[in-house]
N, C-alpha and C. Protein backbone atom coordinates (compact mmCIF):
# COMPACT_ATOMS: atom_id res chain seq x y z
N MET A 1 -8.67 1.50 -5.33
CA MET A 1 -7.31 1.76 -5.75
C MET A 1 -7.28 2.36 -7.16
N LEU A 2 -8.14 1.92 -8.05
CA LEU A 2 -8.05 2.34 -9.44
C LEU A 2 -9.03 3.44 -9.81
N SER A 3 -9.60 4.10 -8.82
CA SER A 3 -10.51 5.20 -9.14
C SER A 3 -9.71 6.33 -9.80
N PRO A 4 -10.34 7.07 -10.69
CA PRO A 4 -9.64 8.18 -11.35
C PRO A 4 -9.07 9.18 -10.33
N GLU A 5 -9.80 9.43 -9.24
CA GLU A 5 -9.32 10.37 -8.23
C GLU A 5 -8.04 9.86 -7.58
N ASN A 6 -8.02 8.58 -7.22
CA ASN A 6 -6.85 8.00 -6.58
C ASN A 6 -5.65 7.98 -7.53
N LEU A 7 -5.90 7.63 -8.78
CA LEU A 7 -4.81 7.62 -9.76
C LEU A 7 -4.28 9.03 -10.00
N GLY A 8 -5.17 10.01 -10.01
CA GLY A 8 -4.74 11.40 -10.17
C GLY A 8 -3.86 11.85 -9.01
N ARG A 9 -4.26 11.48 -7.78
CA ARG A 9 -3.44 11.81 -6.61
C ARG A 9 -2.08 11.13 -6.70
N ALA A 10 -2.07 9.88 -7.12
CA ALA A 10 -0.81 9.14 -7.24
C ALA A 10 0.10 9.79 -8.28
N LEU A 11 -0.47 10.20 -9.41
CA LEU A 11 0.33 10.85 -10.45
C LEU A 11 0.90 12.18 -9.94
N ARG A 12 0.12 12.94 -9.20
CA ARG A 12 0.63 14.19 -8.63
C ARG A 12 1.78 13.93 -7.66
N ARG A 13 1.69 12.85 -6.87
CA ARG A 13 2.78 12.52 -5.95
C ARG A 13 4.03 12.13 -6.72
N VAL A 14 3.86 11.36 -7.80
CA VAL A 14 5.01 10.97 -8.61
C VAL A 14 5.68 12.21 -9.19
N ARG A 15 4.88 13.13 -9.74
CA ARG A 15 5.44 14.36 -10.31
C ARG A 15 6.11 15.22 -9.24
N ALA A 16 5.49 15.33 -8.07
CA ALA A 16 6.04 16.17 -7.00
C ALA A 16 7.35 15.59 -6.48
N ASN A 17 7.50 14.29 -6.57
CA ASN A 17 8.72 13.65 -6.11
C ASN A 17 9.92 14.06 -6.96
N ALA A 18 9.67 14.40 -8.21
CA ALA A 18 10.69 14.91 -9.14
C ALA A 18 11.95 14.05 -9.14
N GLY A 19 11.74 12.74 -9.09
CA GLY A 19 12.89 11.84 -9.11
C GLY A 19 13.50 11.72 -10.49
N ALA A 20 14.66 11.15 -10.52
CA ALA A 20 15.34 10.89 -11.79
C ALA A 20 14.63 9.74 -12.50
N PRO A 21 14.78 9.66 -13.81
CA PRO A 21 14.19 8.53 -14.54
C PRO A 21 14.74 7.20 -14.02
N GLY A 22 13.94 6.16 -14.17
CA GLY A 22 14.40 4.82 -13.82
C GLY A 22 15.39 4.32 -14.86
N VAL A 23 15.75 3.06 -14.74
CA VAL A 23 16.72 2.51 -15.68
C VAL A 23 16.18 2.46 -17.10
N ASP A 24 14.86 2.55 -17.25
CA ASP A 24 14.27 2.59 -18.59
C ASP A 24 14.41 3.96 -19.24
N GLY A 25 14.84 4.97 -18.44
CA GLY A 25 15.04 6.31 -18.97
C GLY A 25 13.78 7.14 -19.07
N MET A 26 12.63 6.62 -18.65
CA MET A 26 11.37 7.35 -18.78
C MET A 26 11.26 8.43 -17.72
N THR A 27 10.99 9.63 -18.16
CA THR A 27 10.78 10.76 -17.26
C THR A 27 9.31 10.83 -16.88
N THR A 28 8.99 11.66 -15.88
CA THR A 28 7.59 11.83 -15.51
C THR A 28 6.79 12.49 -16.64
N GLU A 29 7.45 13.30 -17.46
CA GLU A 29 6.76 13.92 -18.60
C GLU A 29 6.38 12.86 -19.64
N GLU A 30 7.18 11.82 -19.76
CA GLU A 30 6.89 10.75 -20.72
C GLU A 30 5.89 9.74 -20.18
N LEU A 31 5.67 9.76 -18.86
CA LEU A 31 4.80 8.78 -18.23
C LEU A 31 3.35 8.91 -18.68
N VAL A 32 2.82 10.13 -18.72
CA VAL A 32 1.41 10.32 -19.07
C VAL A 32 1.10 9.79 -20.48
N PRO A 33 1.89 10.13 -21.51
CA PRO A 33 1.60 9.55 -22.82
C PRO A 33 1.71 8.02 -22.81
N TRP A 34 2.69 7.48 -22.05
CA TRP A 34 2.82 6.03 -21.97
C TRP A 34 1.58 5.42 -21.33
N LEU A 35 1.09 6.07 -20.28
CA LEU A 35 -0.12 5.56 -19.62
C LEU A 35 -1.33 5.61 -20.55
N ARG A 36 -1.44 6.68 -21.32
CA ARG A 36 -2.56 6.78 -22.27
C ARG A 36 -2.55 5.61 -23.25
N GLU A 37 -1.37 5.25 -23.69
CA GLU A 37 -1.24 4.17 -24.68
C GLU A 37 -1.40 2.78 -24.06
N HIS A 38 -0.91 2.59 -22.84
CA HIS A 38 -0.85 1.24 -22.26
C HIS A 38 -1.80 1.01 -21.09
N TRP A 39 -2.55 2.02 -20.67
CA TRP A 39 -3.36 1.87 -19.47
C TRP A 39 -4.36 0.73 -19.57
N ALA A 40 -4.97 0.53 -20.72
CA ALA A 40 -5.98 -0.54 -20.84
C ALA A 40 -5.39 -1.90 -20.49
N GLN A 41 -4.17 -2.17 -20.97
CA GLN A 41 -3.54 -3.45 -20.66
C GLN A 41 -3.15 -3.55 -19.18
N VAL A 42 -2.64 -2.45 -18.63
CA VAL A 42 -2.26 -2.44 -17.22
C VAL A 42 -3.50 -2.65 -16.35
N ARG A 43 -4.56 -1.93 -16.66
CA ARG A 43 -5.82 -2.03 -15.90
C ARG A 43 -6.38 -3.44 -15.99
N GLU A 44 -6.37 -4.02 -17.17
CA GLU A 44 -6.88 -5.38 -17.35
C GLU A 44 -6.10 -6.37 -16.49
N ALA A 45 -4.78 -6.23 -16.50
CA ALA A 45 -3.95 -7.13 -15.70
C ALA A 45 -4.19 -6.92 -14.20
N LEU A 46 -4.38 -5.67 -13.77
CA LEU A 46 -4.67 -5.39 -12.37
C LEU A 46 -6.01 -6.00 -11.97
N ASP A 47 -7.03 -5.80 -12.79
CA ASP A 47 -8.36 -6.35 -12.51
C ASP A 47 -8.35 -7.87 -12.46
N ALA A 48 -7.57 -8.48 -13.35
CA ALA A 48 -7.51 -9.94 -13.42
C ALA A 48 -6.60 -10.55 -12.36
N GLY A 49 -5.85 -9.71 -11.68
CA GLY A 49 -4.92 -10.22 -10.68
C GLY A 49 -3.66 -10.82 -11.28
N THR A 50 -3.40 -10.49 -12.55
CA THR A 50 -2.22 -11.04 -13.22
C THR A 50 -1.09 -10.03 -13.38
N TYR A 51 -1.29 -8.82 -12.89
CA TYR A 51 -0.25 -7.80 -12.99
C TYR A 51 0.94 -8.22 -12.15
N ARG A 52 2.08 -8.34 -12.76
CA ARG A 52 3.31 -8.70 -12.06
C ARG A 52 4.39 -7.72 -12.48
N PRO A 53 4.71 -6.78 -11.61
CA PRO A 53 5.78 -5.85 -11.96
C PRO A 53 7.10 -6.59 -12.10
N SER A 54 7.95 -6.08 -12.94
CA SER A 54 9.28 -6.66 -13.08
C SER A 54 10.07 -6.43 -11.81
N PRO A 55 11.03 -7.30 -11.54
CA PRO A 55 11.87 -7.08 -10.35
C PRO A 55 12.57 -5.72 -10.45
N VAL A 56 12.77 -5.12 -9.32
CA VAL A 56 13.49 -3.85 -9.29
C VAL A 56 14.99 -4.12 -9.26
N ARG A 57 15.73 -3.16 -9.76
CA ARG A 57 17.19 -3.24 -9.71
C ARG A 57 17.63 -2.65 -8.38
N ARG A 58 18.42 -3.38 -7.63
CA ARG A 58 18.91 -2.91 -6.34
C ARG A 58 20.15 -2.04 -6.53
N VAL A 59 20.15 -0.89 -5.87
CA VAL A 59 21.28 0.02 -5.91
C VAL A 59 21.66 0.31 -4.45
N VAL A 60 22.94 0.28 -4.18
CA VAL A 60 23.42 0.58 -2.83
C VAL A 60 23.84 2.05 -2.79
N ILE A 61 23.25 2.78 -1.85
CA ILE A 61 23.54 4.20 -1.67
C ILE A 61 24.32 4.37 -0.36
N PRO A 62 25.52 4.95 -0.42
CA PRO A 62 26.25 5.17 0.83
C PRO A 62 25.59 6.27 1.66
N LYS A 63 25.53 6.04 2.97
CA LYS A 63 24.99 7.05 3.89
C LYS A 63 26.10 8.00 4.31
N PRO A 64 25.75 9.28 4.54
CA PRO A 64 26.78 10.26 4.93
C PRO A 64 27.54 9.87 6.20
N GLY A 65 26.84 9.27 7.15
CA GLY A 65 27.47 8.91 8.41
C GLY A 65 28.05 7.50 8.42
N GLY A 66 28.18 6.90 7.26
CA GLY A 66 28.66 5.53 7.17
C GLY A 66 27.49 4.57 6.97
N GLY A 67 27.79 3.42 6.54
CA GLY A 67 26.76 2.43 6.26
C GLY A 67 26.20 2.59 4.85
N GLU A 68 25.23 1.78 4.57
CA GLU A 68 24.64 1.79 3.23
C GLU A 68 23.12 1.72 3.32
N ARG A 69 22.49 2.20 2.28
CA ARG A 69 21.04 2.11 2.14
C ARG A 69 20.73 1.44 0.82
N LEU A 70 19.82 0.46 0.84
CA LEU A 70 19.41 -0.19 -0.39
C LEU A 70 18.27 0.59 -1.02
N LEU A 71 18.35 0.77 -2.32
CA LEU A 71 17.32 1.48 -3.06
C LEU A 71 16.86 0.57 -4.19
N GLY A 72 15.56 0.47 -4.39
CA GLY A 72 15.01 -0.31 -5.50
C GLY A 72 14.62 0.62 -6.64
N VAL A 73 15.17 0.39 -7.82
CA VAL A 73 14.89 1.22 -8.99
C VAL A 73 14.04 0.42 -9.96
N PRO A 74 12.83 0.91 -10.31
CA PRO A 74 12.01 0.19 -11.29
C PRO A 74 12.76 -0.01 -12.59
N THR A 75 12.51 -1.13 -13.25
CA THR A 75 13.26 -1.46 -14.45
C THR A 75 12.47 -1.25 -15.74
N GLU A 76 11.21 -0.95 -15.66
CA GLU A 76 10.41 -0.71 -16.86
C GLU A 76 9.13 0.01 -16.48
N PRO A 77 8.42 0.56 -17.46
CA PRO A 77 7.19 1.27 -17.14
C PRO A 77 6.11 0.38 -16.54
N ALA A 78 6.19 -0.94 -16.73
CA ALA A 78 5.19 -1.81 -16.11
C ALA A 78 5.26 -1.71 -14.60
N ASN A 79 6.38 -1.26 -14.07
CA ASN A 79 6.49 -0.95 -12.65
C ASN A 79 5.98 0.46 -12.43
N CYS A 80 4.91 0.74 -13.06
CA CYS A 80 4.34 2.08 -13.10
C CYS A 80 4.28 2.71 -11.71
N PRO A 81 4.97 3.83 -11.50
CA PRO A 81 4.95 4.46 -10.19
C PRO A 81 3.57 4.94 -9.79
N VAL A 82 2.72 5.22 -10.76
CA VAL A 82 1.35 5.64 -10.43
C VAL A 82 0.61 4.45 -9.82
N VAL A 83 0.77 3.27 -10.41
CA VAL A 83 0.14 2.08 -9.86
C VAL A 83 0.72 1.77 -8.49
N GLN A 84 2.00 1.91 -8.35
CA GLN A 84 2.64 1.60 -7.07
C GLN A 84 2.15 2.53 -5.97
N ARG A 85 1.84 3.77 -6.29
CA ARG A 85 1.43 4.74 -5.26
C ARG A 85 -0.07 4.77 -5.06
N SER A 86 -0.84 4.11 -5.90
CA SER A 86 -2.30 4.16 -5.75
C SER A 86 -2.81 3.05 -4.87
């Protein structure tokens, strides 16, 4: 999961998704510098089995044909989308 190749693929998927920033306001352009600064701590927590992402914020999205869809929005960079996709 944490191989450089797998993390690179995950980062490319996050960038290709071109989603809006999470509630923390972090864009995909800001993610790489954040990862450079915090990756050692994230990796250590993942290796130790102590990584616990923060709960996601639930958002209800109305469907065009009626009904609703629940969407989970990460609440901080510790919910790193690269980690989630790797």
